[in-house]
Amino acid sequence: MTLDDELFRAATAAFAEPFDGVIRIETEGRAPIWVDGRPAPPRIVASAPADLPPDGLGLCVWFAARDTVLRILEEERFLASSFVSGRLNLAGDMSVMARLRLGAPHG
C-alpha cells in the first residue's frame, strides 16, 4: 500500500492542536496515516507510534472513503455529519474524539 500524500498534507494542516490521543486513519487501498495528538503540535506519521499503549487506550481508528476523509480534514464541520450519516466509522477510544479540534489553532 502507498501513502497518500494529499491526505498526509491535509492531516498535517487539520490537526493543529494536541488532543491527548492517537488516531489511525484507514482508507481503502492506502497505507494508514497515524496522527499522534499527544505532543504539541501533533505528529502526522506513516507508522504507529512506538509508545502506543498495548491495550489501545487513547487510540481511535477512522474508517472511511478517501474522499470523505479528505473533506473531513478540509471542513471541520463535516466530521460530525460524516459520522452521523455512516460515511465515517469509528472504533476504539471514543474519548479521543471528544477532545479533538480540527483546523487552525483555536488560541
C-alpha atoms as a PDB file:
ATOM      1  CA  MET A   1       0.000   0.000   0.000  1.00  0.00           C
ATOM      2  CA  THR A   2       1.157   3.512  -0.699  1.00  0.00           C
ATOM      3  CA  LEU A   3       0.925   6.581   1.468  1.00  0.00           C
ATOM      4  CA  ASP A   4      -1.489   9.193   0.159  1.00  0.00           C
ATOM      5  CA  ASP A   5       0.494  12.448   0.026  1.00  0.00           C
ATOM      6  CA  GLU A   6      -2.606  14.626  -0.367  1.00  0.00           C
ATOM      7  CA  LEU A   7      -4.254  13.122   2.730  1.00  0.00           C
ATOM      8  CA  PHE A   8      -0.964  13.386   4.613  1.00  0.00           C
ATOM      9  CA  ARG A   9      -0.726  17.127   3.831  1.00  0.00           C
ATOM     10  CA  ALA A  10      -4.393  17.701   4.698  1.00  0.00           C
ATOM     11  CA  ALA A  11      -3.942  15.888   8.023  1.00  0.00           C
ATOM     12  CA  THR A  12      -0.892  17.993   8.829  1.00  0.00           C
ATOM     13  CA  ALA A  13      -2.956  21.164   8.325  1.00  0.00           C
ATOM     14  CA  ALA A  14      -6.091  19.892  10.105  1.00  0.00           C
ATOM     15  CA  PHE A  15      -4.539  18.514  13.277  1.00  0.00           C
ATOM     16  CA  ALA A  16      -3.008  21.719  14.640  1.00  0.00           C
ATOM     17  CA  GLU A  17      -3.742  21.243  18.348  1.00  0.00           C
ATOM     18  CA  PRO A  18      -2.866  18.352  20.674  1.00  0.00           C
ATOM     19  CA  PHE A  19      -5.731  16.101  21.801  1.00  0.00           C
ATOM     20  CA  ASP A  20      -4.058  13.583  24.123  1.00  0.00           C
ATOM     21  CA  GLY A  21      -4.583  10.555  21.926  1.00  0.00           C
ATOM     22  CA  VAL A  22      -3.718   8.811  18.673  1.00  0.00           C
ATOM     23  CA  ILE A  23      -5.861   8.469  15.539  1.00  0.00           C
ATOM     24  CA  ARG A  24      -5.244   5.901  12.796  1.00  0.00           C
ATOM     25  CA  ILE A  25      -6.921   6.938   9.539  1.00  0.00           C
ATOM     26  CA  GLU A  26      -7.785   3.985   7.280  1.00  0.00           C
ATOM     27  CA  THR A  27      -8.861   4.450   3.664  1.00  0.00           C
ATOM     28  CA  GLU A  28      -9.333   1.628   1.176  1.00  0.00           C
ATOM     29  CA  GLY A  29      -6.183   0.603  -0.687  1.00  0.00           C
ATOM     30  CA  ARG A  30      -3.943   3.112   1.078  1.00  0.00           C
ATOM     31  CA  ALA A  31      -1.464   2.846   3.914  1.00  0.00           C
ATOM     32  CA  PRO A  32      -2.886   4.183   7.181  1.00  0.00           C
ATOM     33  CA  ILE A  33      -1.995   7.643   8.405  1.00  0.00           C
ATOM     34  CA  TRP A  34      -1.230   7.939  12.106  1.00  0.00           C
ATOM     35  CA  VAL A  35      -1.919  11.165  13.982  1.00  0.00           C
ATOM     36  CA  ASP A  36      -0.138  11.343  17.324  1.00  0.00           C
ATOM     37  CA  GLY A  37      -2.017  14.075  19.148  1.00  0.00           C
ATOM     38  CA  ARG A  38      -0.100  13.794  22.405  1.00  0.00           C
ATOM     39  CA  PRO A  39       2.679  16.298  21.600  1.00  0.00           C
ATOM     40  CA  ALA A  40       2.181  19.903  20.522  1.00  0.00           C
ATOM     41  CA  PRO A  41       1.913  20.198  17.602  1.00  0.00           C
ATOM     42  CA  PRO A  42       0.572  16.727  16.759  1.00  0.00           C
ATOM     43  CA  ARG A  43       2.795  14.473  14.646  1.00  0.00           C
ATOM     44  CA  ILE A  44       1.471  13.003  11.389  1.00  0.00           C
ATOM     45  CA  VAL A  45       3.375   9.790  10.634  1.00  0.00           C
ATOM     46  CA  ALA A  46       3.230   6.709   8.420  1.00  0.00           C
ATOM     47  CA  SER A  47       3.624   4.121  11.192  1.00  0.00           C
ATOM     48  CA  ALA A  48       2.264   3.512  14.671  1.00  0.00           C
ATOM     49  CA  PRO A  49       3.954   5.454  17.473  1.00  0.00           C
ATOM     50  CA  ALA A  50       6.351   3.162  19.345  1.00  0.00           C
ATOM     51  CA  ASP A  51       4.900   4.116  22.724  1.00  0.00           C
ATOM     52  CA  LEU A  52       1.265   3.330  21.899  1.00  0.00           C
ATOM     53  CA  PRO A  53      -0.319   1.558  24.897  1.00  0.00           C
ATOM     54  CA  PRO A  54      -0.847  -2.159  24.139  1.00  0.00           C
ATOM     55  CA  ASP A  55      -4.422  -2.039  25.479  1.00  0.00           C
ATOM     56  CA  GLY A  56      -5.438   0.511  22.821  1.00  0.00           C
ATOM     57  CA  LEU A  57      -6.341   3.145  25.394  1.00  0.00           C
ATOM     58  CA  GLY A  58      -6.104   6.541  23.713  1.00  0.00           C
ATOM     59  CA  LEU A  59      -6.363   5.102  20.165  1.00  0.00           C
ATOM     60  CA  CYS A  60      -9.272   5.884  17.856  1.00  0.00           C
ATOM     61  CA  VAL A  61      -9.478   4.406  14.349  1.00  0.00           C
ATOM     62  CA  TRP A  62     -11.263   6.124  11.469  1.00  0.00           C
ATOM     63  CA  PHE A  63     -12.571   4.039   8.540  1.00  0.00           C
ATOM     64  CA  ALA A  64     -13.905   5.987   5.548  1.00  0.00           C
ATOM     65  CA  ALA A  65     -13.602   6.505   1.816  1.00  0.00           C
ATOM     66  CA  ARG A  66     -10.640   8.643   0.811  1.00  0.00           C
ATOM     67  CA  ASP A  67     -12.843  11.497  -0.420  1.00  0.00           C
ATOM     68  CA  THR A  68     -14.771  11.537   2.858  1.00  0.00           C
ATOM     69  CA  VAL A  69     -11.582  11.732   4.926  1.00  0.00           C
ATOM     70  CA  LEU A  70     -10.177  14.476   2.718  1.00  0.00           C
ATOM     71  CA  ARG A  71     -13.354  16.509   3.096  1.00  0.00           C
ATOM     72  CA  ILE A  72     -13.359  15.995   6.891  1.00  0.00           C
ATOM     73  CA  LEU A  73      -9.792  17.271   7.057  1.00  0.00           C
ATOM     74  CA  GLU A  74     -10.626  20.308   4.930  1.00  0.00           C
ATOM     75  CA  GLU A  75     -14.012  21.173   6.502  1.00  0.00           C
ATOM     76  CA  GLU A  76     -14.153  20.784  10.269  1.00  0.00           C
ATOM     77  CA  ARG A  77     -17.966  20.736  10.373  1.00  0.00           C
ATOM     78  CA  PHE A  78     -18.085  17.733   8.013  1.00  0.00           C
ATOM     79  CA  LEU A  79     -16.707  15.428  10.751  1.00  0.00           C
ATOM     80  CA  ALA A  80     -19.949  15.178  12.734  1.00  0.00           C
ATOM     81  CA  SER A  81     -22.201  14.814   9.703  1.00  0.00           C
ATOM     82  CA  SER A  82     -19.942  12.096   8.253  1.00  0.00           C
ATOM     83  CA  PHE A  83     -20.208  10.100  11.460  1.00  0.00           C
ATOM     84  CA  VAL A  84     -23.969  10.565  11.826  1.00  0.00           C
ATOM     85  CA  SER A  85     -24.591   9.616   8.179  1.00  0.00           C
ATOM     86  CA  GLY A  86     -22.420   6.490   8.398  1.00  0.00           C
ATOM     87  CA  ARG A  87     -19.749   7.673   5.962  1.00  0.00           C
ATOM     88  CA  LEU A  88     -17.194   7.660   8.806  1.00  0.00           C
ATOM     89  CA  ASN A  89     -16.915   4.613  11.044  1.00  0.00           C
ATOM     90  CA  LEU A  90     -15.051   4.864  14.322  1.00  0.00           C
ATOM     91  CA  ALA A  91     -13.514   2.209  16.553  1.00  0.00           C
ATOM     92  CA  GLY A  92     -11.534   2.308  19.747  1.00  0.00           C
ATOM     93  CA  ASP A  93     -11.318   5.012  22.394  1.00  0.00           C
ATOM     94  CA  MET A  94     -14.128   7.493  21.726  1.00  0.00           C
ATOM     95  CA  SER A  95     -12.813   9.913  24.363  1.00  0.00           C
ATOM     96  CA  VAL A  96     -10.176  10.869  21.778  1.00  0.00           C
ATOM     97  CA  MET A  97     -12.942  12.260  19.560  1.00  0.00           C
ATOM     98  CA  ALA A  98     -14.349  14.324  22.433  1.00  0.00           C
ATOM     99  CA  ARG A  99     -11.020  16.133  22.801  1.00  0.00           C
ATOM    100  CA  LEU A 100     -10.431  16.639  19.070  1.00  0.00           C
ATOM    101  CA  ARG A 101     -10.460  20.103  17.479  1.00  0.00           C
ATOM    102  CA  LEU A 102      -9.678  20.218  13.783  1.00  0.00           C
ATOM    103  CA  GLY A 103      -8.424  23.216  11.873  1.00  0.00           C
ATOM    104  CA  ALA A 104      -6.214  26.155  12.708  1.00  0.00           C
ATOM    105  CA  PRO A 105      -5.188  26.593  16.355  1.00  0.00           C
ATOM    106  CA  HIS A 106      -8.033  27.939  18.468  1.00  0.00           C
ATOM    107  CA  GLY A 107      -5.757  30.158  20.625  1.00  0.00           C
END
